[in-house]
Amino acid sequence: MKHIGYLAIVPILGLLLGPVIHNSSTPFILGMPFLLGWMVIWVVLVSVAMAVIYALDPARVTTDPEHPRR
């Protein structure tokens, strides 16, 4: 389960390496230039990735009655 933290690297790579590889303004994504559309899509994907990491994180589940989940 320790490897779930590596999922946090994927959005960083998508946001940083994507514009370097696909630096073009001619294709459009949802009516936006490619680079802007790429960034918008990755902002949504970052939220999804962080939700998955939170859901699978074993440290957030506690069985100690003195420290209930918030």
C-alpha atoms as a PDB file:
ATOM      1  CA  MET A   1       0.000   0.000   0.000  1.00  0.00           C
ATOM      2  CA  LYS A   2       3.015   2.285   0.248  1.00  0.00           C
ATOM      3  CA  HIS A   3       3.128   2.556  -3.520  1.00  0.00           C
ATOM      4  CA  ILE A   4      -0.104   4.564  -3.700  1.00  0.00           C
ATOM      5  CA  GLY A   5       1.946   7.682  -3.010  1.00  0.00           C
ATOM      6  CA  TYR A   6       3.588   7.289  -6.406  1.00  0.00           C
ATOM      7  CA  LEU A   7       0.215   8.164  -7.930  1.00  0.00           C
ATOM      8  CA  ALA A   8       0.896  11.741  -6.831  1.00  0.00           C
ATOM      9  CA  ILE A   9       3.809  11.913  -9.276  1.00  0.00           C
ATOM     10  CA  VAL A  10       1.607  11.302 -12.330  1.00  0.00           C
ATOM     11  CA  PRO A  11      -0.180  14.705 -12.249  1.00  0.00           C
ATOM     12  CA  ILE A  12       3.104  16.522 -11.744  1.00  0.00           C
ATOM     13  CA  LEU A  13       4.566  14.827 -14.787  1.00  0.00           C
ATOM     14  CA  GLY A  14       1.441  15.568 -16.802  1.00  0.00           C
ATOM     15  CA  LEU A  15       1.455  19.235 -15.919  1.00  0.00           C
ATOM     16  CA  LEU A  16       5.189  19.764 -16.371  1.00  0.00           C
ATOM     17  CA  LEU A  17       6.127  17.466 -19.246  1.00  0.00           C
ATOM     18  CA  GLY A  18       2.968  17.739 -21.344  1.00  0.00           C
ATOM     19  CA  PRO A  19       3.472  21.342 -22.452  1.00  0.00           C
ATOM     20  CA  VAL A  20       7.105  20.637 -23.343  1.00  0.00           C
ATOM     21  CA  ILE A  21       6.146  17.717 -25.550  1.00  0.00           C
ATOM     22  CA  HIS A  22       2.991  19.216 -27.096  1.00  0.00           C
ATOM     23  CA  ASN A  23       3.806  22.913 -27.327  1.00  0.00           C
ATOM     24  CA  SER A  24       1.334  23.823 -30.075  1.00  0.00           C
ATOM     25  CA  SER A  25      -1.504  26.304 -30.401  1.00  0.00           C
ATOM     26  CA  THR A  26      -3.202  25.014 -33.551  1.00  0.00           C
ATOM     27  CA  PRO A  27      -5.196  22.016 -32.254  1.00  0.00           C
ATOM     28  CA  PHE A  28      -8.086  22.816 -29.920  1.00  0.00           C
ATOM     29  CA  ILE A  29      -9.479  21.022 -26.876  1.00  0.00           C
ATOM     30  CA  LEU A  30     -13.038  22.030 -25.982  1.00  0.00           C
ATOM     31  CA  GLY A  31     -12.582  25.235 -27.986  1.00  0.00           C
ATOM     32  CA  MET A  32      -9.427  26.248 -26.141  1.00  0.00           C
ATOM     33  CA  PRO A  33      -5.881  26.249 -27.494  1.00  0.00           C
ATOM     34  CA  PHE A  34      -4.182  22.931 -26.864  1.00  0.00           C
ATOM     35  CA  LEU A  35      -1.932  24.098 -24.031  1.00  0.00           C
ATOM     36  CA  LEU A  36      -4.774  25.714 -22.081  1.00  0.00           C
ATOM     37  CA  GLY A  37      -7.015  22.697 -22.628  1.00  0.00           C
ATOM     38  CA  TRP A  38      -4.199  20.396 -21.494  1.00  0.00           C
ATOM     39  CA  MET A  39      -3.804  22.342 -18.250  1.00  0.00           C
ATOM     40  CA  VAL A  40      -7.553  22.369 -17.554  1.00  0.00           C
ATOM     41  CA  ILE A  41      -7.798  18.607 -18.070  1.00  0.00           C
ATOM     42  CA  TRP A  42      -4.860  17.997 -15.741  1.00  0.00           C
ATOM     43  CA  VAL A  43      -6.333  20.200 -13.018  1.00  0.00           C
ATOM     44  CA  VAL A  44      -9.364  17.890 -13.015  1.00  0.00           C
ATOM     45  CA  LEU A  45      -7.160  14.777 -13.120  1.00  0.00           C
ATOM     46  CA  VAL A  46      -5.112  16.036 -10.156  1.00  0.00           C
ATOM     47  CA  SER A  47      -8.313  16.231  -8.122  1.00  0.00           C
ATOM     48  CA  VAL A  48      -9.252  12.691  -9.123  1.00  0.00           C
ATOM     49  CA  ALA A  49      -5.775  11.365  -8.298  1.00  0.00           C
ATOM     50  CA  MET A  50      -5.772  13.028  -4.872  1.00  0.00           C
ATOM     51  CA  ALA A  51      -9.247  11.620  -4.128  1.00  0.00           C
ATOM     52  CA  VAL A  52      -8.015   8.118  -5.000  1.00  0.00           C
ATOM     53  CA  ILE A  53      -4.929   8.549  -2.808  1.00  0.00           C
ATOM     54  CA  TYR A  54      -7.108   9.742   0.079  1.00  0.00           C
ATOM     55  CA  ALA A  55      -9.562   6.864  -0.330  1.00  0.00           C
ATOM     56  CA  LEU A  56      -6.807   4.229  -0.391  1.00  0.00           C
ATOM     57  CA  ASP A  57      -4.631   5.726   2.358  1.00  0.00           C
ATOM     58  CA  PRO A  58      -4.540   3.246   5.247  1.00  0.00           C
ATOM     59  CA  ALA A  59      -3.292   5.907   7.680  1.00  0.00           C
ATOM     60  CA  ARG A  60      -6.598   7.806   7.578  1.00  0.00           C
ATOM     61  CA  VAL A  61      -8.528   4.819   8.991  1.00  0.00           C
ATOM     62  CA  THR A  62      -8.130   4.452  12.723  1.00  0.00           C
ATOM     63  CA  THR A  63      -9.510   1.934  15.195  1.00  0.00           C
ATOM     64  CA  ASP A  64      -8.464   3.911  18.269  1.00  0.00           C
ATOM     65  CA  PRO A  65     -11.648   5.031  20.106  1.00  0.00           C
ATOM     66  CA  GLU A  66      -9.835   8.002  21.653  1.00  0.00           C
ATOM     67  CA  HIS A  67      -9.107   9.476  18.234  1.00  0.00           C
ATOM     68  CA  PRO A  68     -12.267   9.238  16.111  1.00  0.00           C
ATOM     69  CA  ARG A  69     -12.218  10.057  12.422  1.00  0.00           C
ATOM     70  CA  ARG A  70     -13.135  13.594  11.578  1.00  0.00           C
END
